[in-house]
């Protein structure tokens, strides 16, 4: 099997409106169908974050992700397929936290839809600036309609983080222009990781990989899935995960930090002994798999022992509000947060709800408004980390702005 440890790696998010062809495109880019949960297959939509990976190789015909190609490996890609349904915005925000770049999918037969707008601002909220726009389903429209749709996309992205993003017309079903996407993906510049930094691993998923009836001596420890954002981790390292696991006592929820040793690590199907930032990463630990099953540790942060700040249930943020609420199809102005209002906050891969305790408007010294919040689920307060802010409108959480912890 290919040794990927020497290949430059990026984690690419596939985002966009529901049914615009994200999962089908991902299948073309990785040769893997990311909707693997039974409920997803039944309903035909991505509910949880889907994962896949691929190696871009260069052979006589050009760039390819064909696993049988004998071409020269150029770059290793891991993918996060984020759900496009408006009810699953929190999951999409968690996925955005581990992305290095994003492919925004817009179907040529439908054009810009509410979640196209909402996903683009979510990328802005999570500070993702490397974006490729893929115009899917061009085999379903005439050339004139495809060109009209292209102009609409260019108009839509004017003045946004995606203003200069390439727009690639694609038929995922027929494999048209997949190589053009690969060309753009290898152009994305990757920041060289600093090995001396304290490691920071964002937990997006957690699993029990043991099949029912596995003998005790064959059991695997709990597995964490996510992305290493800083530093390095290696087999044998002792890590701690915060907030850790939650338990109830006297009708109160408590959180306990979890510590464990790294037993093995994988990027896609590739085993590695040392992990650097870039791409998705799975870490097998010595934890009881009961602690990691069903994403019970997702939203956590992991690092070496005694390197993470203490968890907190109160944070102070500075924030920027969007001009209008996106995703509803209406042009509604975003109102300022009010004391006692409940807001959903997406911080790293964690989602929490916070009650606004106090707000402060900009002054000459402070150019952004600030807010103090009391949280229902504690977080690891990493200074400067980007936060997506959403408000509950008619039963749906809608993004209204972004901020950071101060």
Protein backbone atom coordinates (compact mmCIF):
# COMPACT_ATOMS: atom_id res chain seq x y z
CA UNK A 1 0.00 0.00 0.00
CA UNK A 2 1.14 3.56 -0.78
CA UNK A 3 3.08 5.32 2.02
CA UNK A 4 1.21 8.62 2.38
CA UNK A 5 3.36 10.04 5.19
CA UNK A 6 5.51 12.00 2.71
CA UNK A 7 2.58 13.35 0.67
CA UNK A 8 1.13 16.81 1.26
CA UNK A 9 -2.38 16.38 2.64
CA UNK A 10 -5.51 18.51 2.79
CA UNK A 11 -9.00 17.97 4.15
CA UNK A 12 -11.60 19.12 1.64
CA UNK A 13 -15.22 19.79 2.57
CA UNK A 14 -18.01 19.13 0.04
CA UNK A 15 -20.79 21.63 0.84
CA UNK A 16 -23.94 22.98 -0.78
CA UNK A 17 -27.73 22.65 -0.95
CA UNK A 18 -29.47 19.29 -0.44
CA UNK A 19 -29.71 17.10 -3.59
CA UNK A 20 -27.22 19.19 -5.58
CA UNK A 21 -25.02 16.12 -6.11
CA UNK A 22 -22.43 16.40 -3.31
CA UNK A 23 -22.28 12.71 -2.42
CA UNK A 24 -22.25 11.61 -6.10
CA UNK A 25 -19.40 14.04 -6.80
CA UNK A 26 -17.52 12.70 -3.79
CA UNK A 27 -17.92 9.17 -5.14
CA UNK A 28 -16.19 10.31 -8.36
CA UNK A 29 -13.41 12.09 -6.48
CA UNK A 30 -12.70 9.23 -4.07
CA UNK A 31 -14.33 6.05 -5.44
CA UNK A 32 -16.27 5.80 -2.17
CA UNK A 33 -19.94 6.37 -1.36
CA UNK A 34 -19.99 8.47 1.84
CA UNK A 35 -23.68 7.85 2.78
CA UNK A 36 -22.97 4.64 4.68
CA UNK A 37 -25.44 4.94 7.57
CA UNK A 38 -28.63 2.91 7.05
CA UNK A 39 -30.89 5.89 7.72
CA UNK A 40 -29.01 7.94 5.12
CA UNK A 41 -29.30 5.23 2.48
CA UNK A 42 -33.01 4.96 3.21
CA UNK A 43 -33.69 8.69 2.99
CA UNK A 44 -31.11 9.52 0.31
CA UNK A 45 -29.60 12.45 2.23
CA UNK A 46 -26.39 12.85 4.21
CA UNK A 47 -27.27 13.08 7.92
CA UNK A 48 -23.89 12.64 9.59
CA UNK A 49 -20.53 13.78 8.30
CA UNK A 50 -19.42 11.40 5.54
CA UNK A 51 -15.71 10.66 5.09
CA UNK A 52 -13.63 9.46 2.14
CA UNK A 53 -10.07 9.79 0.88
CA UNK A 54 -8.05 9.63 -2.35
CA UNK A 55 -4.52 9.96 -3.71
CA UNK A 56 -4.12 12.26 -6.72
CA UNK A 57 -1.66 10.68 -9.14
CA UNK A 58 -0.21 11.92 -12.40
CA UNK A 59 0.06 9.41 -15.24
CA UNK A 60 0.26 9.61 -19.07
CA UNK A 61 -3.41 10.63 -19.32
CA UNK A 62 -3.07 13.40 -16.72
CA UNK A 63 -4.37 13.60 -13.14
CA UNK A 64 -6.38 10.73 -11.69
CA UNK A 65 -7.67 9.28 -8.42
CA UNK A 66 -7.94 5.77 -9.90
CA UNK A 67 -6.65 3.35 -7.25
CA UNK A 68 -5.19 1.12 -9.99
CA UNK A 69 -3.12 3.91 -11.56
CA UNK A 70 0.66 3.41 -11.50
CA UNK A 71 1.16 7.20 -11.86
CA UNK A 72 3.28 9.36 -9.55
CA UNK A 73 1.47 10.25 -6.27
CA UNK A 74 1.18 14.05 -5.93
CA UNK A 75 -1.21 14.80 -3.09
CA UNK A 76 -3.31 12.96 -0.52
CA UNK A 77 -6.89 14.18 -0.07
CA UNK A 78 -9.36 13.46 2.68
CA UNK A 79 -12.96 14.57 2.23
CA UNK A 80 -15.79 15.60 4.54
CA UNK A 81 -19.25 15.36 2.98
CA UNK A 82 -21.38 17.85 4.93
CA UNK A 83 -25.19 17.59 4.99
CA UNK A 84 -27.05 20.15 2.89
CA UNK A 85 -30.41 19.98 4.65
CA UNK A 86 -31.31 23.07 6.69
CA UNK A 87 -32.22 20.94 9.72
CA UNK A 88 -28.62 19.65 9.84
CA UNK A 89 -26.80 22.99 9.93
CA UNK A 90 -25.11 22.19 13.25
CA UNK A 91 -23.53 19.07 11.70
CA UNK A 92 -22.33 21.11 8.72
CA UNK A 93 -20.68 23.65 11.06
CA UNK A 94 -18.91 20.85 12.96
CA UNK A 95 -17.58 19.54 9.65
CA UNK A 96 -16.42 23.00 8.58
CA UNK A 97 -14.17 23.15 11.67
CA UNK A 98 -11.92 20.39 10.31
CA UNK A 99 -11.80 21.54 6.66
CA UNK A 100 -8.71 23.10 5.08
CA UNK A 101 -10.54 23.96 1.83
CA UNK A 102 -14.04 23.49 0.42
CA UNK A 103 -15.85 22.56 -2.77
CA UNK A 104 -19.16 24.46 -2.98
CA UNK A 105 -21.57 22.48 -5.15
CA UNK A 106 -24.26 24.29 -7.20
CA UNK A 107 -26.56 22.24 -9.47
CA UNK A 108 -26.87 23.70 -13.01
CA UNK A 109 -30.56 22.72 -13.16
CA UNK A 110 -31.46 24.50 -9.89
CA UNK A 111 -28.93 27.29 -9.29
CA UNK A 112 -28.42 29.16 -6.03
CA UNK A 113 -30.65 27.85 -3.22
CA UNK A 114 -31.07 28.90 0.45
CA UNK A 115 -28.51 26.41 1.81
CA UNK A 116 -26.00 27.40 -0.90
CA UNK A 117 -26.04 30.88 0.67
CA UNK A 118 -26.00 29.54 4.22
CA UNK A 119 -23.10 27.15 3.58
CA UNK A 120 -21.03 29.93 1.98
CA UNK A 121 -21.42 32.15 5.06
CA UNK A 122 -20.70 29.14 7.28
CA UNK A 123 -17.35 28.78 5.49
CA UNK A 124 -16.73 32.46 6.17
CA UNK A 125 -17.64 31.98 9.84
CA UNK A 126 -15.12 29.14 10.07
CA UNK A 127 -12.42 31.18 8.25
CA UNK A 128 -12.15 28.87 5.23
CA UNK A 129 -10.86 30.94 2.31
CA UNK A 130 -9.77 28.24 -0.18
CA UNK A 131 -12.92 27.50 -2.17
CA UNK A 132 -13.62 25.76 -5.50
CA UNK A 133 -17.14 26.06 -6.98
CA UNK A 134 -18.40 23.03 -8.88
CA UNK A 135 -21.39 23.46 -11.17
CA UNK A 136 -22.90 19.94 -11.13
CA UNK A 137 -25.50 18.19 -13.31
CA UNK A 138 -24.50 20.02 -16.54
CA UNK A 139 -25.67 16.90 -18.43
CA UNK A 140 -29.23 17.76 -17.37
CA UNK A 141 -29.38 21.24 -18.96
CA UNK A 142 -28.74 22.92 -22.32
CA UNK A 143 -25.52 24.84 -22.99
CA UNK A 144 -27.46 28.14 -22.81
CA UNK A 145 -28.95 27.20 -19.42
CA UNK A 146 -25.53 26.14 -18.09
CA UNK A 147 -24.01 29.51 -19.15
CA UNK A 148 -26.91 31.40 -17.59
CA UNK A 149 -26.38 29.40 -14.37
CA UNK A 150 -22.64 30.23 -14.49
CA UNK A 151 -23.41 33.97 -14.68
CA UNK A 152 -25.79 33.62 -11.70
CA UNK A 153 -23.02 31.92 -9.68
CA UNK A 154 -20.53 34.71 -10.52
CA UNK A 155 -23.09 37.34 -9.51
CA UNK A 156 -23.88 35.46 -6.28
CA UNK A 157 -20.20 35.25 -5.23
CA UNK A 158 -19.39 38.91 -5.98
CA UNK A 159 -18.06 40.57 -2.82
CA UNK A 160 -17.85 37.24 -0.91
CA UNK A 161 -14.93 35.02 0.12
CA UNK A 162 -15.60 33.00 -3.06
CA UNK A 163 -15.46 35.96 -5.47
CA UNK A 164 -12.26 34.71 -7.14
CA UNK A 165 -13.02 31.00 -6.79
CA UNK A 166 -12.86 28.96 -10.02
CA UNK A 167 -16.21 27.66 -11.32
CA UNK A 168 -15.93 24.20 -12.91
CA UNK A 169 -18.85 22.70 -14.90
CA UNK A 170 -19.09 18.98 -14.13
CA UNK A 171 -21.17 15.89 -14.79
CA UNK A 172 -20.34 13.56 -11.90
CA UNK A 173 -22.47 10.77 -13.41
CA UNK A 174 -20.48 10.86 -16.69
CA UNK A 175 -17.14 11.81 -15.15
CA UNK A 176 -16.86 15.05 -17.15
CA UNK A 177 -14.23 17.58 -15.92
CA UNK A 178 -13.33 15.64 -12.76
CA UNK A 179 -9.68 16.15 -13.81
CA UNK A 180 -10.23 19.94 -13.75
CA UNK A 181 -11.26 19.73 -10.08
CA UNK A 182 -8.11 17.71 -9.35
CA UNK A 183 -6.02 20.41 -11.09
CA UNK A 184 -7.49 23.05 -8.76
CA UNK A 185 -7.04 20.84 -5.68
CA UNK A 186 -3.30 20.42 -6.28
CA UNK A 187 -2.93 24.21 -6.71
CA UNK A 188 -4.11 24.86 -3.14
CA UNK A 189 -1.16 26.02 -1.07
CA UNK A 190 -0.54 24.10 2.12
CA UNK A 191 1.04 25.81 5.12
CA UNK A 192 4.03 23.84 6.38
CA UNK A 193 3.14 22.46 9.85
CA UNK A 194 5.24 23.50 12.84
CA UNK A 195 6.14 20.32 14.66
CA UNK A 196 7.14 22.25 17.79
CA UNK A 197 3.58 23.50 18.43
CA UNK A 198 1.41 21.90 21.10
CA UNK A 199 -0.84 19.37 19.31
CA UNK A 200 -4.51 20.20 18.92
CA UNK A 201 -6.85 17.47 17.67
CA UNK A 202 -10.52 18.30 17.00
CA UNK A 203 -12.84 15.33 17.56
CA UNK A 204 -15.61 15.25 14.95
CA UNK A 205 -16.69 11.60 15.40
CA UNK A 206 -16.08 8.79 17.90
CA UNK A 207 -16.69 5.10 17.35
CA UNK A 208 -16.77 1.58 18.67
CA UNK A 209 -15.39 -0.43 15.72
CA UNK A 210 -15.94 -3.86 17.32
CA UNK A 211 -18.55 -6.16 15.83
CA UNK A 212 -21.03 -7.79 18.25
CA UNK A 213 -19.63 -11.04 19.65
CA UNK A 214 -15.94 -10.08 19.24
CA UNK A 215 -13.82 -12.13 21.69
CA UNK A 216 -12.30 -10.10 24.56
CA UNK A 217 -8.72 -10.62 23.39
CA UNK A 218 -9.61 -9.29 19.92
CA UNK A 219 -11.40 -6.12 21.09
CA UNK A 220 -10.19 -2.74 19.80
CA UNK A 221 -10.16 0.36 21.99
CA UNK A 222 -12.35 3.38 21.27
CA UNK A 223 -11.63 5.35 18.08
CA UNK A 224 -11.62 9.14 17.63
CA UNK A 225 -12.10 10.68 14.18
CA UNK A 226 -11.32 14.28 13.32
CA UNK A 227 -8.41 16.50 12.32
CA UNK A 228 -5.07 17.45 13.83
CA UNK A 229 -4.94 21.24 13.47
CA UNK A 230 -1.54 21.89 15.07
CA UNK A 231 1.58 20.06 16.24
CA UNK A 232 2.28 16.33 15.93
CA UNK A 233 0.95 13.16 17.54
CA UNK A 234 2.56 9.72 17.48
CA UNK A 235 1.78 6.20 18.59
CA UNK A 236 2.43 5.82 22.32
CA UNK A 237 1.53 9.43 23.19
CA UNK A 238 -0.76 9.90 26.20
CA UNK A 239 -3.59 12.26 25.25
CA UNK A 240 -6.42 13.85 27.17
CA UNK A 241 -9.83 14.65 25.72
CA UNK A 242 -11.97 17.50 27.04
CA UNK A 243 -14.77 18.12 27.98
CA UNK A 244 -14.64 14.29 28.04
CA UNK A 245 -17.59 12.07 28.83
CA UNK A 246 -20.74 13.36 30.50
CA UNK A 247 -22.65 11.71 33.30
CA UNK A 248 -25.70 12.63 35.34
CA UNK A 249 -25.75 12.92 39.12
CA UNK A 250 -28.62 14.38 41.18
CA UNK A 251 -30.20 15.68 37.94
CA UNK A 252 -27.00 17.61 37.12
CA UNK A 253 -24.74 16.97 34.12
CA UNK A 254 -21.04 16.61 34.87
CA UNK A 255 -18.05 16.19 32.54
CA UNK A 256 -14.92 14.17 33.22
CA UNK A 257 -11.68 14.57 31.26
CA UNK A 258 -10.67 11.33 29.54
CA UNK A 259 -7.02 10.22 29.23
CA UNK A 260 -5.64 7.42 27.08
CA UNK A 261 -2.70 6.15 25.07
CA UNK A 262 -2.59 6.25 21.24
CA UNK A 263 -2.47 2.62 20.01
CA UNK A 264 -2.67 3.22 16.26
CA UNK A 265 -3.50 5.96 13.75
CA UNK A 266 -4.98 5.95 10.27
CA UNK A 267 -5.60 8.41 7.47
CA UNK A 268 -8.24 6.72 5.31
CA UNK A 269 -7.03 3.13 4.76
CA UNK A 270 -3.41 4.09 5.46
CA UNK A 271 -1.77 3.29 8.81
CA UNK A 272 0.70 5.90 10.09
CA UNK A 273 2.99 6.11 13.13
CA UNK A 274 3.23 9.91 13.32
CA UNK A 275 0.52 12.43 12.43
CA UNK A 276 1.01 15.96 11.12
CA UNK A 277 -1.73 18.53 10.43
CA UNK A 278 -3.69 18.13 7.18
CA UNK A 279 -6.46 15.72 6.31
CA UNK A 280 -8.79 13.62 8.45
CA UNK A 281 -7.25 11.37 11.09
CA UNK A 282 -8.54 8.35 13.04
CA UNK A 283 -6.90 7.58 16.39
CA UNK A 284 -7.34 4.23 18.13
CA UNK A 285 -6.98 4.54 21.91
CA UNK A 286 -7.02 2.22 24.92
CA UNK A 287 -10.39 3.69 25.96
CA UNK A 288 -13.31 1.41 26.71
CA UNK A 289 -15.26 1.48 23.40
CA UNK A 290 -18.42 2.12 25.42
CA UNK A 291 -17.05 5.65 26.00
CA UNK A 292 -16.61 6.38 22.29
CA UNK A 293 -19.59 4.65 20.69
CA UNK A 294 -22.27 6.65 18.84
CA UNK A 295 -20.20 9.86 18.67
CA UNK A 296 -20.32 10.27 22.45
CA UNK A 297 -16.95 12.12 22.49
CA UNK A 298 -17.55 14.14 19.31
CA UNK A 299 -17.14 17.88 19.77
CA UNK A 300 -14.22 17.33 22.12
CA UNK A 301 -10.64 18.57 21.87
CA UNK A 302 -7.58 16.37 22.43
CA UNK A 303 -3.96 17.19 23.18
CA UNK A 304 -1.03 15.91 25.22
CA UNK A 305 -1.55 15.69 28.99
CA UNK A 306 -1.96 18.99 30.87
CA UNK A 307 -1.77 21.11 27.72
CA UNK A 308 -5.43 22.09 27.32
CA UNK A 309 -7.14 24.90 29.26
CA UNK A 310 -9.83 23.94 31.78
CA UNK A 311 -13.36 23.60 30.41
CA UNK A 312 -15.75 26.46 31.08
CA UNK A 313 -19.48 27.14 31.06
CA UNK A 314 -19.08 30.90 30.56
CA UNK A 315 -17.28 32.67 27.72
CA UNK A 316 -16.74 36.19 26.47
CA UNK A 317 -16.78 36.71 22.69
CA UNK A 318 -16.40 39.52 20.17
CA UNK A 319 -18.61 39.09 17.15
CA UNK A 320 -19.70 40.34 13.72
CA UNK A 321 -23.31 39.99 12.55
CA UNK A 322 -24.34 39.35 8.94
CA UNK A 323 -26.45 42.03 7.24
CA UNK A 324 -29.33 39.62 6.71
CA UNK A 325 -30.45 36.12 7.65
CA UNK A 326 -29.56 33.58 4.97
CA UNK A 327 -31.17 30.26 4.22
CA UNK A 328 -34.79 31.39 4.53
CA UNK A 329 -35.24 32.86 1.04
CA UNK A 330 -36.48 36.11 2.67
CA UNK A 331 -34.47 39.28 3.22
CA UNK A 332 -34.68 39.63 6.99
CA UNK A 333 -32.33 41.95 8.88
CA UNK A 334 -30.22 40.43 11.66
CA UNK A 335 -31.09 41.98 15.01
CA UNK A 336 -28.52 42.43 17.76
CA UNK A 337 -28.37 39.73 20.46
CA UNK A 338 -30.40 40.63 23.56
CA UNK A 339 -29.80 39.70 27.22
CA UNK A 340 -31.36 36.30 28.13
CA UNK A 341 -31.62 35.28 24.46
CA UNK A 342 -30.47 31.71 23.65
CA UNK A 343 -27.95 31.38 20.79
CA UNK A 344 -26.38 28.27 19.25
CA UNK A 345 -22.59 28.46 19.11
CA UNK A 346 -20.40 26.31 16.90
CA UNK A 347 -16.91 26.23 18.41
CA UNK A 348 -14.36 23.89 16.79
CA UNK A 349 -16.38 20.69 16.25
CA UNK A 350 -18.57 21.27 19.32
CA UNK A 351 -22.08 22.69 19.34
CA UNK A 352 -23.43 24.35 22.47
CA UNK A 353 -26.28 26.67 23.36
CA UNK A 354 -25.50 29.83 25.30
CA UNK A 355 -27.66 32.33 27.14
CA UNK A 356 -26.66 35.94 26.53
CA UNK A 357 -25.85 37.48 29.92
CA UNK A 358 -24.55 40.85 28.83
CA UNK A 359 -23.67 42.70 25.59
CA UNK A 360 -21.31 45.61 24.97
CA UNK A 361 -21.48 47.75 21.84
CA UNK A 362 -18.35 48.99 20.01
CA UNK A 363 -16.31 51.85 21.45
CA UNK A 364 -13.25 53.61 20.09
CA UNK A 365 -11.01 51.01 21.78
CA UNK A 366 -13.21 48.07 20.90
CA UNK A 367 -14.32 47.98 17.27
CA UNK A 368 -16.51 44.87 17.54
CA UNK A 369 -19.50 44.30 19.83
CA UNK A 370 -18.91 41.82 22.66
CA UNK A 371 -21.12 39.42 24.60
CA UNK A 372 -20.87 37.32 27.76
CA UNK A 373 -22.60 33.95 27.51
CA UNK A 374 -23.52 31.17 29.94
CA UNK A 375 -23.31 27.76 28.21
CA UNK A 376 -25.47 24.66 28.56
CA UNK A 377 -22.60 22.38 27.43
CA UNK A 378 -19.08 23.41 28.53
CA UNK A 379 -16.35 24.05 25.98
CA UNK A 380 -12.56 24.20 25.88
CA UNK A 381 -11.94 27.97 25.59
CA UNK A 382 -9.20 28.31 22.97
CA UNK A 383 -8.47 32.03 22.50
CA UNK A 384 -8.97 33.31 18.96
CA UNK A 385 -10.89 30.22 17.77
CA UNK A 386 -13.66 31.08 15.31
CA UNK A 387 -17.28 30.65 16.41
CA UNK A 388 -20.39 30.37 14.25
CA UNK A 389 -23.40 32.08 15.86
CA UNK A 390 -26.97 30.96 15.10
CA UNK A 391 -30.40 32.11 16.28
CA UNK A 392 -33.56 29.99 16.51
CA UNK A 393 -36.09 31.35 14.01
CA UNK A 394 -39.37 29.46 13.59
CA UNK A 395 -37.84 26.25 14.91
CA UNK A 396 -34.67 26.39 12.74
CA UNK A 397 -31.19 27.49 13.78
CA UNK A 398 -30.09 30.20 11.31
CA UNK A 399 -26.57 31.57 11.10
CA UNK A 400 -26.55 35.25 12.06
CA UNK A 401 -22.83 35.92 12.40
CA UNK A 402 -19.43 34.78 13.62
CA UNK A 403 -16.98 35.69 16.33
CA UNK A 404 -14.12 34.52 18.49
CA UNK A 405 -13.32 33.94 22.16
CA UNK A 406 -11.52 36.79 23.92
